[in-house]
Amino acid sequence: MGWPRALWETDLVSEVTVAILTRPLRYTIISSEVSTGGLLLNAPDDLIPAGPLQADEPVSLFPVVEVTVYSYECDAFGHLNQAAFLQVFERARWEMLALGPGPDLFDRNKVWPAVRRATVDYLLPVFPGDVLKVDAEVVKVGGTSLELRQRAVRAKDDQVVAQLHIVFVTVDKAGRPSPMPAEIAAVFGSRASRAAETVRFGVSDGVLAAELRGDGPALLLIHGFPLDHTMWAHQIATLKGWRRIAPDLRGCGESESPSGGYSMAAYADDLVSLLDRLKLEKAVVAGLSMGGYVAFEMLRRHAERVHGLILVDTRAEADAAEARAARETLIGVARSEGPGGVAERMLPRLLGRTTQRTQPHLVSQVREMAGRWSVAGMAGALGAMRDRPDSTPLLPRLDVPTLVIVGEEDELTPPALSRAMTSAIPSAAMTTIAAAGHLSPLEAPSAVSRVMAEFLEAVPRP
């Protein structure tokens, strides 16, 4: 017998359309049948004003996902109503499960999450084409129930447009309440002890930004090129027990863009300034691609601050003549066409062939991250990579726990290169991520997070 309806589905007996009001309203929906998830809207006197929401309220352990609003989801007034928001939040939950424990989480545990109660805070109008960033926060995990809060933020102006408070009951195939399986309780029961926050810190020629999450020893996550700190969204959300620190390097994301001063040394010094700002003596340093080059520079200049090392889809060698010439060409593209032109030339080799076929939405995510670079920042980063020193002499001298991660389909830093690098580092370990290319934390986030978590568990606490 198949499970009833789709995962986390919220069927409405009838859809209620309301005009946009001058103040936000909260709509409460109550389940009429726990076993089927059928929903009924409360009587009008159950409509109550909703308090204002702030964009810096706590977000979830689960990765933030983006969903696009389509015209068929909108009502006669041309915008999303509260019933349609239920479907948007459901779509986001599907995506979060796919990026996390897998969409078959409930099916493989032989239970189903039936909606018991759902409350939509309807705050601002949303129209076709709007892109919403949706997060999910675990409120409570009970013996047979799961309580979540989701929030939708409009990407173009960072305005909170809606929030959902929803309670599920786990039921068996016959629709009877069933105890929460251990795997599901573990997935939803692990909550960050500290909410996400963004810090800004001064360096010699500007102000840079970093996202922080959780408590514990420091884990510094250095993004690659042409990405920003959001490439680590899944790792930021799930690597509990560590103080996850994900900066935007100078010239990209939320960090300022000085006109000059771009070098591996400058990037490394910037990150040590961040550790100083946070009063952290040491950190496990993880870097993807260009982030790996910065990690090597930190080892050259500030080895006493590095407690462990995770090298993801990167290399130790300096650029050969052909690669240096290619960087120079891309600097010209950045100045003539902007960051988008650089991204278009790089995209075919950044993502693995499997990812391009099965996760086409990641192409747009990479474009969006590249679009958050300034021209000065992008040209500066390309020049810094072109001129970086050879780090292979460092490898035999590394005396910190080291993990090397590489995508099976990585064309830019292929597995053979990673194997040679691993062999040169005393006591290093290597993991190959199946069906992933050069951006494995983005392409296979669950697999990379799991490998990193296992490594971090074995790293001695400073």
Protein backbone atom coordinates (compact mmCIF):
# COMPACT_ATOMS: atom_id res chain seq x y z
CA MET A 1 0.00 0.00 0.00
CA GLY A 2 1.36 3.44 -0.88
CA TRP A 3 1.45 6.33 1.50
CA PRO A 4 -1.48 8.78 1.35
CA ARG A 5 -0.77 11.86 -0.77
CA ALA A 6 2.60 13.58 -1.10
CA LEU A 7 5.17 14.22 1.60
CA TRP A 8 4.14 16.98 4.00
CA GLU A 9 1.24 17.82 1.69
CA THR A 10 -1.31 20.35 2.91
CA ASP A 11 -4.57 19.92 1.01
CA LEU A 12 -7.15 22.64 1.47
CA VAL A 13 -10.84 21.82 1.49
CA SER A 14 -11.44 25.28 0.05
CA GLU A 15 -9.22 28.16 -0.85
CA VAL A 16 -9.93 31.51 0.74
CA THR A 17 -8.95 34.68 -1.09
CA VAL A 18 -8.47 37.94 0.78
CA ALA A 19 -7.44 41.40 -0.27
CA ILE A 20 -4.14 42.84 0.93
CA LEU A 21 -4.77 44.76 4.15
CA THR A 22 -2.82 47.58 5.73
CA ARG A 23 -1.67 45.33 8.57
CA PRO A 24 -0.50 41.71 8.48
CA LEU A 25 -3.00 39.04 9.46
CA ARG A 26 -2.46 35.60 10.87
CA TYR A 27 -4.52 32.80 9.34
CA THR A 28 -4.91 29.65 11.40
CA ILE A 29 -5.62 26.35 9.71
CA ILE A 30 -6.59 23.28 11.71
CA SER A 31 -6.44 19.68 10.57
CA SER A 32 -9.82 17.98 10.39
CA GLU A 33 -8.38 14.48 9.87
CA VAL A 34 -4.94 13.67 11.21
CA SER A 35 -4.64 10.60 9.00
CA THR A 36 -5.31 12.42 5.73
CA GLY A 37 -3.92 15.88 6.34
CA GLY A 38 -7.17 17.53 5.24
CA LEU A 39 -7.34 21.17 6.37
CA LEU A 40 -10.09 23.63 7.20
CA LEU A 41 -9.83 27.36 7.68
CA ASN A 42 -10.97 28.73 11.03
CA ALA A 43 -13.94 31.05 11.37
CA PRO A 44 -13.29 34.76 10.64
CA ASP A 45 -12.99 35.66 14.32
CA ASP A 46 -9.85 33.52 14.45
CA LEU A 47 -8.06 36.09 12.29
CA ILE A 48 -5.75 38.03 14.59
CA PRO A 49 -3.05 40.62 13.96
CA ALA A 50 0.44 39.22 13.57
CA GLY A 51 3.39 40.88 15.18
CA PRO A 52 6.15 42.36 13.03
CA LEU A 53 8.89 39.98 11.90
CA GLN A 54 12.50 40.97 11.68
CA ALA A 55 14.81 39.66 8.99
CA ASP A 56 17.48 38.77 11.57
CA GLU A 57 15.34 36.32 13.57
CA PRO A 58 16.83 32.83 14.08
CA VAL A 59 17.02 30.60 11.05
CA SER A 60 17.31 26.87 10.74
CA LEU A 61 19.79 24.06 10.85
CA PHE A 62 18.44 23.22 7.40
CA PRO A 63 19.85 24.97 4.34
CA VAL A 64 18.06 28.07 3.12
CA VAL A 65 16.46 27.34 -0.25
CA GLU A 66 15.14 29.62 -2.95
CA VAL A 67 11.77 29.13 -4.62
CA THR A 68 10.29 31.07 -7.50
CA VAL A 69 6.65 32.17 -7.47
CA TYR A 70 4.74 31.12 -10.59
CA SER A 71 1.66 32.76 -12.03
CA TYR A 72 -0.51 29.64 -11.68
CA GLU A 73 0.00 29.80 -7.90
CA CYS A 74 -1.46 33.30 -7.66
CA ASP A 75 -5.12 34.20 -7.15
CA ALA A 76 -7.46 36.54 -9.01
CA PHE A 77 -5.72 39.54 -7.43
CA GLY A 78 -2.44 38.43 -9.02
CA HIS A 79 -0.58 37.61 -5.80
CA LEU A 80 -0.07 34.72 -3.43
CA ASN A 81 -2.75 34.24 -0.78
CA GLN A 82 -2.36 32.31 2.45
CA ALA A 83 -3.43 29.01 0.87
CA ALA A 84 -0.85 29.34 -1.88
CA PHE A 85 1.83 30.13 0.69
CA LEU A 86 1.20 26.69 2.18
CA GLN A 87 2.19 25.17 -1.16
CA VAL A 88 5.27 27.39 -1.44
CA PHE A 89 6.43 26.38 2.03
CA GLU A 90 5.79 22.74 1.13
CA ARG A 91 7.94 23.04 -1.99
CA ALA A 92 10.71 24.50 0.15
CA ARG A 93 10.48 21.61 2.62
CA TRP A 94 10.88 19.14 -0.23
CA GLU A 95 14.02 20.94 -1.36
CA MET A 96 15.42 21.04 2.18
CA LEU A 97 14.88 17.32 2.59
CA ALA A 98 16.54 16.65 -0.78
CA LEU A 99 19.58 18.70 0.27
CA GLY A 100 19.66 17.13 3.74
CA PRO A 101 18.64 13.66 4.94
CA GLY A 102 16.90 12.76 1.67
CA PRO A 103 13.30 12.99 0.46
CA ASP A 104 12.62 9.41 1.54
CA LEU A 105 13.36 10.16 5.22
CA PHE A 106 9.80 9.38 6.38
CA ASP A 107 9.17 6.62 3.87
CA ARG A 108 12.22 4.63 4.90
CA ASN A 109 11.13 4.95 8.55
CA LYS A 110 7.62 3.71 7.68
CA VAL A 111 5.81 6.74 9.11
CA TRP A 112 4.22 9.81 7.55
CA PRO A 113 4.01 13.42 8.78
CA ALA A 114 0.31 14.35 8.81
CA VAL A 115 -0.51 18.03 9.28
CA ARG A 116 -2.19 18.72 12.62
CA ARG A 117 -2.14 22.50 12.65
CA ALA A 118 -0.77 25.25 10.40
CA THR A 119 -0.67 29.02 10.93
CA VAL A 120 0.33 31.41 8.15
CA ASP A 121 1.53 34.93 8.97
CA TYR A 122 0.70 36.84 5.77
CA LEU A 123 2.81 40.03 5.77
CA LEU A 124 3.51 41.43 2.31
CA PRO A 125 2.20 40.81 -1.23
CA VAL A 126 4.18 38.46 -3.45
CA PHE A 127 3.80 38.33 -7.23
CA PRO A 128 4.78 36.01 -10.11
CA GLY A 129 8.51 35.97 -10.71
CA ASP A 130 9.43 36.89 -7.14
CA VAL A 131 12.16 34.71 -5.66
CA LEU A 132 11.74 33.77 -2.01
CA LYS A 133 14.46 32.58 0.35
CA VAL A 134 12.85 30.08 2.73
CA ASP A 135 14.34 28.72 5.94
CA ALA A 136 12.98 26.29 8.53
CA GLU A 137 13.47 26.33 12.28
CA VAL A 138 12.74 23.33 14.51
CA VAL A 139 10.56 24.50 17.39
CA LYS A 140 9.91 21.20 19.14
CA VAL A 141 10.23 17.45 18.63
CA GLY A 142 7.75 15.40 20.67
CA GLY A 143 7.05 11.71 21.09
CA THR A 144 4.78 11.64 18.03
CA SER A 145 4.85 15.26 16.84
CA LEU A 146 7.12 17.68 15.05
CA GLU A 147 6.73 21.46 15.21
CA LEU A 148 8.41 23.71 12.64
CA ARG A 149 8.53 27.38 11.83
CA GLN A 150 9.30 28.51 8.27
CA ARG A 151 9.99 31.99 7.01
CA ALA A 152 9.94 33.40 3.48
CA VAL A 153 12.13 36.40 2.66
CA ARG A 154 11.85 38.17 -0.69
CA ALA A 155 15.30 37.96 -2.28
CA LYS A 156 15.25 41.33 -4.06
CA ASP A 157 14.72 43.45 -0.93
CA ASP A 158 15.24 41.06 2.04
CA GLN A 159 11.70 41.72 3.30
CA VAL A 160 9.99 38.99 5.34
CA VAL A 161 6.78 38.28 3.39
CA ALA A 162 5.31 35.32 5.25
CA GLN A 163 5.88 32.90 8.09
CA LEU A 164 4.44 29.45 8.68
CA HIS A 165 4.04 27.71 12.04
CA ILE A 166 3.14 24.07 11.43
CA VAL A 167 2.69 20.94 13.56
CA PHE A 168 2.89 17.41 12.17
CA VAL A 169 1.95 14.11 13.77
CA THR A 170 3.80 10.98 12.68
CA VAL A 171 1.32 8.30 11.63
CA ASP A 172 1.60 4.76 10.32
CA LYS A 173 0.09 3.49 7.07
CA ALA A 174 -3.26 3.00 8.76
CA GLY A 175 -3.30 6.64 9.89
CA ARG A 176 -2.66 5.87 13.56
CA PRO A 177 -0.26 8.10 15.55
CA SER A 178 3.13 6.41 15.68
CA PRO A 179 6.19 7.07 17.88
CA MET A 180 8.81 9.32 16.32
CA PRO A 181 11.52 7.06 14.80
CA ALA A 182 15.04 7.61 16.14
CA GLU A 183 16.47 8.74 12.81
CA ILE A 184 13.81 11.42 12.34
CA ALA A 185 14.15 12.58 15.96
CA ALA A 186 17.92 12.87 15.44
CA VAL A 187 17.53 14.87 12.22
CA PHE A 188 15.03 17.35 13.65
CA GLY A 189 16.14 17.23 17.27
CA SER A 190 19.62 18.63 16.71
CA ARG A 191 19.31 22.38 17.05
CA ALA A 192 21.97 25.06 16.91
CA SER A 193 22.71 26.51 20.31
CA ARG A 194 23.23 29.97 18.88
CA ALA A 195 21.24 31.63 16.11
CA ALA A 196 22.84 32.84 12.91
CA GLU A 197 24.38 36.28 13.00
CA THR A 198 26.43 38.44 10.70
CA VAL A 199 29.49 40.26 12.01
CA ARG A 200 31.37 43.04 10.28
CA PHE A 201 35.02 43.66 11.05
CA GLY A 202 37.51 46.24 9.92
CA VAL A 203 40.72 45.47 8.06
CA SER A 204 43.39 47.86 6.89
CA ASP A 205 41.42 49.07 3.87
CA GLY A 206 37.76 48.22 4.39
CA VAL A 207 35.05 46.35 6.26
CA LEU A 208 34.39 42.66 5.70
CA ALA A 209 31.45 40.45 6.71
CA ALA A 210 31.05 36.89 7.98
CA GLU A 211 28.15 34.67 8.97
CA LEU A 212 28.44 32.92 12.35
CA ARG A 213 26.46 29.96 13.64
CA GLY A 214 26.58 27.75 16.74
CA ASP A 215 28.98 27.28 19.63
CA GLY A 216 32.13 25.26 20.18
CA PRO A 217 35.61 25.19 18.64
CA ALA A 218 36.04 27.36 15.56
CA LEU A 219 35.49 26.05 12.03
CA LEU A 220 36.48 28.63 9.41
CA LEU A 221 34.83 28.02 6.01
CA ILE A 222 36.55 29.81 3.10
CA HIS A 223 34.58 29.96 -0.12
CA GLY A 224 35.85 29.46 -3.64
CA PHE A 225 35.73 31.59 -6.79
CA PRO A 226 33.42 32.97 -8.14
CA LEU A 227 31.27 32.08 -5.12
CA ASP A 228 30.50 33.61 -1.74
CA HIS A 229 29.97 32.27 1.78
CA THR A 230 26.48 30.94 0.95
CA MET A 231 28.07 28.03 -0.92
CA TRP A 232 28.59 26.54 2.59
CA ALA A 233 24.88 26.85 3.54
CA HIS A 234 24.40 23.16 4.29
CA GLN A 235 27.61 22.88 6.29
CA ILE A 236 26.82 26.08 8.21
CA ALA A 237 23.41 24.66 9.05
CA THR A 238 24.33 21.13 10.04
CA LEU A 239 27.83 20.88 11.54
CA LYS A 240 26.66 21.17 15.13
CA GLY A 241 29.13 21.36 17.99
CA TRP A 242 31.36 23.83 16.13
CA ARG A 243 31.38 27.61 15.85
CA ARG A 244 30.87 27.86 12.09
CA ILE A 245 32.44 31.01 10.62
CA ALA A 246 31.81 31.73 6.94
CA PRO A 247 33.26 35.02 5.69
CA ASP A 248 32.84 36.78 2.38
CA LEU A 249 36.34 37.53 1.12
CA ARG A 250 37.15 41.12 0.26
CA GLY A 251 35.42 42.20 -2.94
CA CYS A 252 32.42 39.87 -2.82
CA GLY A 253 29.12 39.23 -1.09
CA GLU A 254 28.48 41.52 1.87
CA SER A 255 32.13 42.57 2.22
CA GLU A 256 33.46 45.86 0.93
CA SER A 257 35.56 46.06 -2.22
CA PRO A 258 38.78 48.02 -1.90
CA SER A 259 40.23 49.16 -5.20
CA GLY A 260 43.46 47.24 -4.61
CA GLY A 261 45.27 45.07 -2.11
CA TYR A 262 44.16 41.67 -3.46
CA SER A 263 46.60 38.84 -2.74
CA MET A 264 46.64 35.52 -0.95
CA ALA A 265 48.53 37.23 1.86
CA ALA A 266 45.83 39.90 2.19
CA TYR A 267 43.06 37.30 2.26
CA ALA A 268 44.91 35.28 4.93
CA ASP A 269 45.57 38.35 7.06
CA ASP A 270 41.93 39.39 6.74
CA LEU A 271 40.80 36.04 8.15
CA VAL A 272 43.25 36.16 11.03
CA SER A 273 41.84 39.62 11.80
CA LEU A 274 38.41 37.99 11.92
CA LEU A 275 39.65 35.33 14.37
CA ASP A 276 41.15 38.12 16.47
CA ARG A 277 37.85 40.01 16.36
CA LEU A 278 36.09 36.88 17.65
CA LYS A 279 38.84 36.25 20.26
CA LEU A 280 39.62 32.85 18.79
CA GLU A 281 43.16 31.54 19.02
CA LYS A 282 42.78 28.60 16.64
CA ALA A 283 40.40 27.21 14.03
CA VAL A 284 39.97 24.21 11.81
CA VAL A 285 40.24 25.79 8.36
CA ALA A 286 38.24 24.48 5.40
CA GLY A 287 38.73 25.93 1.94
CA LEU A 288 37.25 25.12 -1.45
CA SER A 289 39.36 25.77 -4.55
CA MET A 290 40.60 29.36 -4.11
CA GLY A 291 39.65 28.97 -0.44
CA GLY A 292 42.23 26.19 -0.29
CA TYR A 293 44.86 28.57 -1.66
CA VAL A 294 43.98 31.00 1.14
CA ALA A 295 44.21 28.17 3.68
CA PHE A 296 47.73 27.36 2.46
CA GLU A 297 48.66 31.03 2.85
CA MET A 298 47.33 30.98 6.42
CA LEU A 299 49.62 28.01 7.08
CA ARG A 300 52.56 29.95 5.62
CA ARG A 301 51.90 33.13 7.57
CA HIS A 302 49.90 32.07 10.64
CA ALA A 303 50.48 28.35 11.16
CA GLU A 304 49.88 28.65 14.90
CA ARG A 305 46.23 29.65 14.23
CA VAL A 306 45.39 26.51 12.18
CA HIS A 307 44.24 23.56 14.30
CA GLY A 308 43.08 21.33 11.44
CA LEU A 309 42.72 21.49 7.67
CA ILE A 310 40.01 20.50 5.18
CA LEU A 311 41.04 20.92 1.54
CA VAL A 312 38.07 20.70 -0.84
CA ASP A 313 38.46 20.53 -4.63
CA THR A 314 41.75 22.41 -4.55
CA ARG A 315 45.43 22.02 -5.40
CA ALA A 316 48.79 22.95 -3.90
CA GLU A 317 50.62 23.74 -7.15
CA ALA A 318 50.99 27.28 -8.47
CA ASP A 319 49.51 28.16 -11.85
CA ALA A 320 51.43 26.99 -14.89
CA ALA A 321 51.99 29.41 -17.77
CA GLU A 322 48.80 28.35 -19.58
CA ALA A 323 46.68 28.80 -16.46
CA ARG A 324 48.25 32.21 -15.77
CA ALA A 325 47.33 33.31 -19.29
CA ALA A 326 43.76 32.08 -18.78
CA ARG A 327 43.48 34.12 -15.55
CA GLU A 328 44.70 37.19 -17.43
CA THR A 329 42.02 36.65 -20.07
CA LEU A 330 39.32 36.40 -17.41
CA ILE A 331 40.54 39.63 -15.78
CA GLY A 332 39.84 41.33 -19.11
CA VAL A 333 36.40 39.70 -19.24
CA ALA A 334 35.60 40.89 -15.72
CA ARG A 335 36.49 44.47 -16.64
CA SER A 336 34.69 44.46 -19.96
CA GLU A 337 31.63 42.26 -19.27
CA GLY A 338 31.39 42.21 -15.48
CA PRO A 339 31.17 39.23 -13.12
CA GLY A 340 28.43 37.59 -15.19
CA GLY A 341 30.75 37.19 -18.16
CA VAL A 342 33.35 35.44 -16.01
CA ALA A 343 30.73 33.10 -14.54
CA GLU A 344 29.43 32.09 -17.97
CA ARG A 345 32.91 31.12 -19.13
CA MET A 346 33.62 29.12 -15.98
CA LEU A 347 30.28 27.37 -15.46
CA PRO A 348 30.75 24.47 -17.90
CA ARG A 349 33.67 23.16 -15.82
CA LEU A 350 32.59 24.22 -12.34
CA LEU A 351 29.69 21.79 -12.00
CA GLY A 352 29.95 18.07 -12.68
CA ARG A 353 28.18 16.55 -15.66
CA THR A 354 25.77 14.69 -13.36
CA THR A 355 24.90 17.91 -11.54
CA GLN A 356 24.30 19.79 -14.78
CA ARG A 357 21.89 17.07 -15.85
CA THR A 358 20.04 16.46 -12.56
CA GLN A 359 20.33 19.77 -10.65
CA PRO A 360 20.08 22.55 -13.25
CA HIS A 361 18.95 25.00 -10.55
CA LEU A 362 22.52 25.07 -9.22
CA VAL A 363 23.60 26.85 -12.40
CA SER A 364 21.47 29.85 -11.44
CA GLN A 365 22.76 29.71 -7.86
CA VAL A 366 26.34 29.95 -9.08
CA ARG A 367 25.40 32.84 -11.36
CA GLU A 368 23.77 34.64 -8.44
CA MET A 369 26.81 34.17 -6.21
CA ALA A 370 29.10 35.43 -8.99
CA GLY A 371 26.82 38.45 -9.37
CA ARG A 372 27.59 39.43 -5.78
CA TRP A 373 31.24 40.11 -6.65
CA SER A 374 32.41 43.58 -7.56
CA VAL A 375 34.52 44.02 -10.68
CA ALA A 376 37.47 45.10 -8.55
CA GLY A 377 37.03 42.09 -6.28
CA MET A 378 36.77 39.65 -9.16
CA ALA A 379 39.74 41.04 -11.06
CA GLY A 380 41.71 41.17 -7.82
CA ALA A 381 40.93 37.54 -6.97
CA LEU A 382 41.94 36.36 -10.44
CA GLY A 383 45.22 38.23 -10.12
CA ALA A 384 45.81 36.78 -6.64
CA MET A 385 45.26 33.24 -7.93
CA ARG A 386 47.52 33.89 -10.93
CA ASP A 387 50.35 35.10 -8.70
CA ARG A 388 49.98 32.69 -5.77
CA PRO A 389 53.08 30.80 -4.66
CA ASP A 390 53.59 27.05 -4.98
CA SER A 391 52.37 25.35 -1.79
CA THR A 392 53.72 21.86 -2.50
CA PRO A 393 56.78 22.43 -0.25
CA LEU A 394 54.37 22.94 2.65
CA LEU A 395 52.72 19.54 2.31
CA PRO A 396 55.34 17.27 3.94
CA ARG A 397 55.61 19.72 6.85
CA LEU A 398 51.91 19.82 7.72
CA ASP A 399 51.44 18.61 11.29
CA VAL A 400 47.69 19.16 11.74
CA PRO A 401 44.85 16.70 11.04
CA THR A 402 44.02 17.03 7.34
CA LEU A 403 41.12 15.88 5.20
CA VAL A 404 41.10 16.13 1.40
CA ILE A 405 37.72 16.07 -0.36
CA VAL A 406 37.29 15.94 -4.13
CA GLY A 407 34.38 15.52 -6.49
CA GLU A 408 34.49 12.40 -8.63
CA GLU A 409 33.73 14.52 -11.73
CA ASP A 410 35.96 17.48 -10.86
CA GLU A 411 37.68 18.58 -14.07
CA LEU A 412 39.57 21.54 -12.60
CA THR A 413 41.23 19.68 -9.69
CA PRO A 414 40.70 16.01 -10.60
CA PRO A 415 40.86 13.14 -8.10
CA ALA A 416 44.34 12.09 -9.29
CA LEU A 417 45.69 15.48 -8.25
CA SER A 418 44.00 15.18 -4.85
CA ARG A 419 45.45 11.70 -4.34
CA ALA A 420 48.96 13.01 -4.98
CA MET A 421 48.39 15.89 -2.55
CA THR A 422 47.04 13.52 0.10
CA SER A 423 50.05 11.22 -0.27
CA ALA A 424 52.39 14.15 0.35
CA ILE A 425 50.71 15.20 3.61
CA PRO A 426 51.57 13.14 6.71
CA SER A 427 48.51 11.32 8.10
CA ALA A 428 46.07 12.95 5.66
CA ALA A 429 42.86 11.22 4.59
CA MET A 430 40.97 11.63 1.31
CA THR A 431 37.34 11.15 0.32
CA THR A 432 35.93 11.19 -3.21
CA ILE A 433 32.36 12.47 -3.55
CA ALA A 434 30.37 10.54 -6.14
CA ALA A 435 28.55 12.37 -8.95
CA ALA A 436 30.00 15.77 -7.95
CA GLY A 437 32.23 18.19 -9.80
CA HIS A 438 34.41 21.08 -8.63
CA LEU A 439 31.78 22.47 -6.22
CA SER A 440 31.12 19.33 -4.19
CA PRO A 441 29.74 21.10 -1.03
CA LEU A 442 27.09 22.68 -3.26
CA GLU A 443 26.47 19.68 -5.53
CA ALA A 444 26.41 16.96 -2.85
CA PRO A 445 25.90 18.88 0.40
CA SER A 446 24.74 15.98 2.56
CA ALA A 447 27.67 13.77 1.56
CA VAL A 448 30.22 16.52 2.14
CA SER A 449 28.68 17.54 5.47
CA ARG A 450 28.68 13.92 6.63
CA VAL A 451 32.36 13.44 5.73
CA MET A 452 33.32 16.71 7.38
CA ALA A 453 31.36 15.82 10.52
CA GLU A 454 33.15 12.48 10.82
CA PHE A 455 36.52 14.18 10.40
CA LEU A 456 35.73 16.91 12.91
CA GLU A 457 34.61 14.36 15.46
CA ALA A 458 38.12 12.88 15.40
CA VAL A 459 39.95 16.22 15.61
CA PRO A 460 41.25 16.85 19.17
CA ARG A 461 39.56 19.86 20.73
CA PRO A 462 41.92 22.82 21.14
